[in-house]
Amino acid sequence: MVEKNLPLPTNYPEKWVVNCKSVGKGEKALIYLGKYLYKGVIQEKDILKYKNGKVTFRYINSDT
């Protein structure tokens, strides 16, 4: 296990119930999620620049 030294919330549960099942390599899930997330976030064509750790992008203000 890799330690990342991330802080835990003060009210995390003492006992955990984990149910993991092998479903293959997950390629289909990655393809599905990649398409879903990519369309819902900023498209690459709308990213105008990245400078000093800041991203400038364009968007359309819409009520829908």
PDB file of N, CA and C in Angstrom:
ATOM      1  N   MET A   1       0.840  -1.182   0.000  1.00  0.00           N
ATOM      2  CA  MET A   1       0.000   0.000   0.000  1.00  0.00           C
ATOM      3  C   MET A   1       0.883   1.243   0.000  1.00  0.00           C
ATOM      4  N   VAL A   2       0.477   2.262  -0.739  1.00  0.00           N
ATOM      5  CA  VAL A   2       1.249   3.493  -0.852  1.00  0.00           C
ATOM      6  C   VAL A   2       0.670   4.530   0.095  1.00  0.00           C
ATOM      7  N   GLU A   3       1.502   5.095   0.908  1.00  0.00           N
ATOM      8  CA  GLU A   3       1.076   6.149   1.825  1.00  0.00           C
ATOM      9  C   GLU A   3       1.140   7.495   1.103  1.00  0.00           C
ATOM     10  N   LYS A   4       0.059   8.247   1.133  1.00  0.00           N
ATOM     11  CA  LYS A   4       0.008   9.557   0.487  1.00  0.00           C
ATOM     12  C   LYS A   4      -0.066  10.695   1.498  1.00  0.00           C
ATOM     13  N   ASN A   5      -0.148  10.352   2.797  1.00  0.00           N
ATOM     14  CA  ASN A   5      -0.233  11.353   3.865  1.00  0.00           C
ATOM     15  C   ASN A   5      -1.386  12.325   3.657  1.00  0.00           C
ATOM     16  N   LEU A   6      -2.526  11.806   3.224  1.00  0.00           N
ATOM     17  CA  LEU A   6      -3.713  12.627   3.057  1.00  0.00           C
ATOM     18  C   LEU A   6      -4.470  12.691   4.380  1.00  0.00           C
ATOM     19  N   PRO A   7      -4.991  13.853   4.732  1.00  0.00           N
ATOM     20  CA  PRO A   7      -5.732  13.958   5.991  1.00  0.00           C
ATOM     21  C   PRO A   7      -7.080  13.245   5.892  1.00  0.00           C
ATOM     22  N   LEU A   8      -7.468  12.588   6.965  1.00  0.00           N
ATOM     23  CA  LEU A   8      -8.772  11.931   7.030  1.00  0.00           C
ATOM     24  C   LEU A   8      -9.777  12.849   7.701  1.00  0.00           C
ATOM     25  N   PRO A   9     -11.045  12.782   7.284  1.00  0.00           N
ATOM     26  CA  PRO A   9     -12.067  13.570   7.971  1.00  0.00           C
ATOM     27  C   PRO A   9     -12.180  13.118   9.425  1.00  0.00           C
ATOM     28  N   THR A  10     -12.609  13.993  10.291  1.00  0.00           N
ATOM     29  CA  THR A  10     -12.703  13.663  11.710  1.00  0.00           C
ATOM     30  C   THR A  10     -13.800  12.651  12.010  1.00  0.00           C
ATOM     31  N   ASN A  11     -14.797  12.526  11.134  1.00  0.00           N
ATOM     32  CA  ASN A  11     -15.930  11.638  11.414  1.00  0.00           C
ATOM     33  C   ASN A  11     -15.974  10.425  10.485  1.00  0.00           C
ATOM     34  N   TYR A  12     -14.831   9.928  10.042  1.00  0.00           N
ATOM     35  CA  TYR A  12     -14.849   8.758   9.163  1.00  0.00           C
ATOM     36  C   TYR A  12     -15.193   7.509   9.973  1.00  0.00           C
ATOM     37  N   PRO A  13     -15.838   6.513   9.319  1.00  0.00           N
ATOM     38  CA  PRO A  13     -16.258   5.313  10.055  1.00  0.00           C
ATOM     39  C   PRO A  13     -15.064   4.467  10.492  1.00  0.00           C
ATOM     40  N   GLU A  14     -15.200   3.836  11.643  1.00  0.00           N
ATOM     41  CA  GLU A  14     -14.151   2.961  12.169  1.00  0.00           C
ATOM     42  C   GLU A  14     -14.096   1.647  11.393  1.00  0.00           C
ATOM     43  N   LYS A  15     -15.276   1.143  10.968  1.00  0.00           N
ATOM     44  CA  LYS A  15     -15.342  -0.106  10.211  1.00  0.00           C
ATOM     45  C   LYS A  15     -15.795   0.194   8.785  1.00  0.00           C
ATOM     46  N   TRP A  16     -15.190  -0.517   7.858  1.00  0.00           N
ATOM     47  CA  TRP A  16     -15.525  -0.350   6.454  1.00  0.00           C
ATOM     48  C   TRP A  16     -16.051  -1.670   5.902  1.00  0.00           C
ATOM     49  N   VAL A  17     -17.058  -1.601   5.048  1.00  0.00           N
ATOM     50  CA  VAL A  17     -17.557  -2.779   4.352  1.00  0.00           C
ATOM     51  C   VAL A  17     -17.201  -2.593   2.879  1.00  0.00           C
ATOM     52  N   VAL A  18     -16.385  -3.495   2.367  1.00  0.00           N
ATOM     53  CA  VAL A  18     -15.922  -3.381   0.989  1.00  0.00           C
ATOM     54  C   VAL A  18     -16.315  -4.637   0.228  1.00  0.00           C
ATOM     55  N   ASN A  19     -16.896  -4.463  -0.926  1.00  0.00           N
ATOM     56  CA  ASN A  19     -17.265  -5.576  -1.778  1.00  0.00           C
ATOM     57  C   ASN A  19     -16.663  -5.320  -3.155  1.00  0.00           C
ATOM     58  N   CYS A  20     -15.565  -5.969  -3.468  1.00  0.00           N
ATOM     59  CA  CYS A  20     -14.877  -5.787  -4.748  1.00  0.00           C
ATOM     60  C   CYS A  20     -15.043  -7.037  -5.592  1.00  0.00           C
ATOM     61  N   LYS A  21     -15.369  -6.830  -6.852  1.00  0.00           N
ATOM     62  CA  LYS A  21     -15.501  -7.940  -7.776  1.00  0.00           C
ATOM     63  C   LYS A  21     -14.661  -7.651  -9.018  1.00  0.00           C
ATOM     64  N   SER A  22     -13.999  -8.665  -9.499  1.00  0.00           N
ATOM     65  CA  SER A  22     -13.235  -8.524 -10.730  1.00  0.00           C
ATOM     66  C   SER A  22     -14.203  -8.542 -11.907  1.00  0.00           C
ATOM     67  N   VAL A  23     -14.119  -7.547 -12.759  1.00  0.00           N
ATOM     68  CA  VAL A  23     -14.984  -7.482 -13.935  1.00  0.00           C
ATOM     69  C   VAL A  23     -14.145  -7.323 -15.201  1.00  0.00           C
ATOM     70  N   GLY A  24     -12.963  -7.848 -15.170  1.00  0.00           N
ATOM     71  CA  GLY A  24     -12.073  -7.721 -16.323  1.00  0.00           C
ATOM     72  C   GLY A  24     -11.128  -6.554 -16.119  1.00  0.00           C
ATOM     73  N   LYS A  25     -10.679  -6.004 -17.207  1.00  0.00           N
ATOM     74  CA  LYS A  25      -9.698  -4.915 -17.144  1.00  0.00           C
ATOM     75  C   LYS A  25     -10.350  -3.542 -17.013  1.00  0.00           C
ATOM     76  N   GLY A  26     -11.661  -3.473 -17.187  1.00  0.00           N
ATOM     77  CA  GLY A  26     -12.358  -2.194 -17.040  1.00  0.00           C
ATOM     78  C   GLY A  26     -12.310  -1.317 -18.267  1.00  0.00           C
ATOM     79  N   GLU A  27     -11.891  -1.862 -19.402  1.00  0.00           N
ATOM     80  CA  GLU A  27     -11.750  -1.050 -20.610  1.00  0.00           C
ATOM     81  C   GLU A  27     -13.079  -0.434 -21.055  1.00  0.00           C
ATOM     82  N   LYS A  28     -14.161  -1.213 -20.985  1.00  0.00           N
ATOM     83  CA  LYS A  28     -15.460  -0.692 -21.398  1.00  0.00           C
ATOM     84  C   LYS A  28     -15.918   0.436 -20.478  1.00  0.00           C
ATOM     85  N   ALA A  29     -15.667   0.279 -19.193  1.00  0.00           N
ATOM     86  CA  ALA A  29     -16.043   1.328 -18.244  1.00  0.00           C
ATOM     87  C   ALA A  29     -15.244   2.594 -18.493  1.00  0.00           C
ATOM     88  N   LEU A  30     -13.960   2.452 -18.776  1.00  0.00           N
ATOM     89  CA  LEU A  30     -13.133   3.629 -19.060  1.00  0.00           C
ATOM     90  C   LEU A  30     -13.594   4.359 -20.312  1.00  0.00           C
ATOM     91  N   ILE A  31     -13.954   3.605 -21.335  1.00  0.00           N
ATOM     92  CA  ILE A  31     -14.446   4.224 -22.573  1.00  0.00           C
ATOM     93  C   ILE A  31     -15.748   4.965 -22.297  1.00  0.00           C
ATOM     94  N   TYR A  32     -16.666   4.326 -21.577  1.00  0.00           N
ATOM     95  CA  TYR A  32     -17.948   4.962 -21.247  1.00  0.00           C
ATOM     96  C   TYR A  32     -17.727   6.231 -20.432  1.00  0.00           C
ATOM     97  N   LEU A  33     -16.963   6.136 -19.365  1.00  0.00           N
ATOM     98  CA  LEU A  33     -16.755   7.295 -18.500  1.00  0.00           C
ATOM     99  C   LEU A  33     -15.979   8.394 -19.216  1.00  0.00           C
ATOM    100  N   GLY A  34     -15.018   8.004 -20.029  1.00  0.00           N
ATOM    101  CA  GLY A  34     -14.243   8.995 -20.767  1.00  0.00           C
ATOM    102  C   GLY A  34     -15.126   9.832 -21.674  1.00  0.00           C
ATOM    103  N   LYS A  35     -16.033   9.200 -22.387  1.00  0.00           N
ATOM    104  CA  LYS A  35     -16.947   9.939 -23.269  1.00  0.00           C
ATOM    105  C   LYS A  35     -17.898  10.810 -22.453  1.00  0.00           C
ATOM    106  N   TYR A  36     -18.413  10.256 -21.379  1.00  0.00           N
ATOM    107  CA  TYR A  36     -19.366  10.988 -20.544  1.00  0.00           C
ATOM    108  C   TYR A  36     -18.709  12.218 -19.919  1.00  0.00           C
ATOM    109  N   LEU A  37     -17.537  12.030 -19.349  1.00  0.00           N
ATOM    110  CA  LEU A  37     -16.859  13.140 -18.674  1.00  0.00           C
ATOM    111  C   LEU A  37     -16.329  14.164 -19.659  1.00  0.00           C
ATOM    112  N   TYR A  38     -15.819  13.703 -20.783  1.00  0.00           N
ATOM    113  CA  TYR A  38     -15.224  14.631 -21.741  1.00  0.00           C
ATOM    114  C   TYR A  38     -16.271  15.584 -22.289  1.00  0.00           C
ATOM    115  N   LYS A  39     -17.478  15.082 -22.552  1.00  0.00           N
ATOM    116  CA  LYS A  39     -18.533  15.935 -23.096  1.00  0.00           C
ATOM    117  C   LYS A  39     -19.083  16.890 -22.051  1.00  0.00           C
ATOM    118  N   GLY A  40     -19.023  16.524 -20.786  1.00  0.00           N
ATOM    119  CA  GLY A  40     -19.605  17.348 -19.745  1.00  0.00           C
ATOM    120  C   GLY A  40     -18.672  18.409 -19.204  1.00  0.00           C
ATOM    121  N   VAL A  41     -17.419  18.341 -19.595  1.00  0.00           N
ATOM    122  CA  VAL A  41     -16.429  19.279 -19.075  1.00  0.00           C
ATOM    123  C   VAL A  41     -16.045  20.232 -20.203  1.00  0.00           C
ATOM    124  N   ILE A  42     -14.979  20.946 -20.057  1.00  0.00           N
ATOM    125  CA  ILE A  42     -14.530  21.895 -21.073  1.00  0.00           C
ATOM    126  C   ILE A  42     -13.953  21.126 -22.254  1.00  0.00           C
ATOM    127  N   GLN A  43     -14.403  21.457 -23.441  1.00  0.00           N
ATOM    128  CA  GLN A  43     -13.849  20.836 -24.630  1.00  0.00           C
ATOM    129  C   GLN A  43     -12.489  21.449 -24.935  1.00  0.00           C
ATOM    130  N   GLU A  44     -11.628  20.659 -25.535  1.00  0.00           N
ATOM    131  CA  GLU A  44     -10.265  21.101 -25.814  1.00  0.00           C
ATOM    132  C   GLU A  44     -10.238  22.351 -26.691  1.00  0.00           C
ATOM    133  N   LYS A  45     -11.166  22.456 -27.637  1.00  0.00           N
ATOM    134  CA  LYS A  45     -11.194  23.614 -28.540  1.00  0.00           C
ATOM    135  C   LYS A  45     -11.520  24.914 -27.797  1.00  0.00           C
ATOM    136  N   ASP A  46     -12.132  24.811 -26.608  1.00  0.00           N
ATOM    137  CA  ASP A  46     -12.493  25.998 -25.841  1.00  0.00           C
ATOM    138  C   ASP A  46     -11.420  26.429 -24.842  1.00  0.00           C
ATOM    139  N   ILE A  47     -10.353  25.664 -24.729  1.00  0.00           N
ATOM    140  CA  ILE A  47      -9.234  26.066 -23.871  1.00  0.00           C
ATOM    141  C   ILE A  47      -8.362  27.015 -24.680  1.00  0.00           C
ATOM    142  N   LEU A  48      -8.237  28.238 -24.219  1.00  0.00           N
ATOM    143  CA  LEU A  48      -7.514  29.250 -24.973  1.00  0.00           C
ATOM    144  C   LEU A  48      -6.041  29.305 -24.614  1.00  0.00           C
ATOM    145  N   LYS A  49      -5.728  29.220 -23.320  1.00  0.00           N
ATOM    146  CA  LYS A  49      -4.317  29.218 -22.930  1.00  0.00           C
ATOM    147  C   LYS A  49      -4.147  28.697 -21.517  1.00  0.00           C
ATOM    148  N   TYR A  50      -2.917  28.298 -21.230  1.00  0.00           N
ATOM    149  CA  TYR A  50      -2.519  27.854 -19.901  1.00  0.00           C
ATOM    150  C   TYR A  50      -1.223  28.576 -19.575  1.00  0.00           C
ATOM    151  N   LYS A  51      -1.242  29.399 -18.529  1.00  0.00           N
ATOM    152  CA  LYS A  51      -0.059  30.184 -18.188  1.00  0.00           C
ATOM    153  C   LYS A  51      -0.004  30.373 -16.680  1.00  0.00           C
ATOM    154  N   ASN A  52       1.149  30.131 -16.102  1.00  0.00           N
ATOM    155  CA  ASN A  52       1.367  30.307 -14.660  1.00  0.00           C
ATOM    156  C   ASN A  52       0.350  29.527 -13.822  1.00  0.00           C
ATOM    157  N   GLY A  53      -0.004  28.326 -14.262  1.00  0.00           N
ATOM    158  CA  GLY A  53      -0.927  27.488 -13.505  1.00  0.00           C
ATOM    159  C   GLY A  53      -2.385  27.889 -13.636  1.00  0.00           C
ATOM    160  N   LYS A  54      -2.701  28.794 -14.568  1.00  0.00           N
ATOM    161  CA  LYS A  54      -4.086  29.229 -14.761  1.00  0.00           C
ATOM    162  C   LYS A  54      -4.545  28.888 -16.170  1.00  0.00           C
ATOM    163  N   VAL A  55      -5.809  28.465 -16.272  1.00  0.00           N
ATOM    164  CA  VAL A  55      -6.395  28.100 -17.558  1.00  0.00           C
ATOM    165  C   VAL A  55      -7.396  29.172 -17.961  1.00  0.00           C
ATOM    166  N   THR A  56      -7.286  29.624 -19.206  1.00  0.00           N
ATOM    167  CA  THR A  56      -8.258  30.565 -19.763  1.00  0.00           C
ATOM    168  C   THR A  56      -9.074  29.806 -20.799  1.00  0.00           C
ATOM    169  N   PHE A  57     -10.400  29.893 -20.674  1.00  0.00           N
ATOM    170  CA  PHE A  57     -11.264  29.166 -21.597  1.00  0.00           C
ATOM    171  C   PHE A  57     -12.484  29.999 -21.931  1.00  0.00           C
ATOM    172  N   ARG A  58     -13.143  29.648 -23.023  1.00  0.00           N
ATOM    173  CA  ARG A  58     -14.375  30.330 -23.422  1.00  0.00           C
ATOM    174  C   ARG A  58     -15.561  29.425 -23.116  1.00  0.00           C
ATOM    175  N   TYR A  59     -16.713  30.053 -22.889  1.00  0.00           N
ATOM    176  CA  TYR A  59     -17.938  29.303 -22.640  1.00  0.00           C
ATOM    177  C   TYR A  59     -19.128  30.120 -23.086  1.00  0.00           C
ATOM    178  N   ILE A  60     -20.248  29.469 -23.233  1.00  0.00           N
ATOM    179  CA  ILE A  60     -21.498  30.136 -23.576  1.00  0.00           C
ATOM    180  C   ILE A  60     -22.377  30.121 -22.337  1.00  0.00           C
ATOM    181  N   ASN A  61     -22.822  31.283 -21.904  1.00  0.00           N
ATOM    182  CA  ASN A  61     -23.718  31.395 -20.761  1.00  0.00           C
ATOM    183  C   ASN A  61     -25.112  31.014 -21.235  1.00  0.00           C
ATOM    184  N   SER A  62     -25.685  29.969 -20.679  1.00  0.00           N
ATOM    185  CA  SER A  62     -26.967  29.464 -21.150  1.00  0.00           C
ATOM    186  C   SER A  62     -27.883  29.173 -19.959  1.00  0.00           C
ATOM    187  N   ASP A  63     -29.176  29.329 -20.166  1.00  0.00           N
ATOM    188  CA  ASP A  63     -30.151  29.018 -19.122  1.00  0.00           C
ATOM    189  C   ASP A  63     -30.551  27.552 -19.150  1.00  0.00           C
ATOM    190  N   THR A  64     -30.133  26.807 -20.167  1.00  0.00           N
ATOM    191  CA  THR A  64     -30.504  25.397 -20.280  1.00  0.00           C
ATOM    192  C   THR A  64     -29.299  24.508 -20.099  1.00  0.00           C
TER     193      THR A  64
END
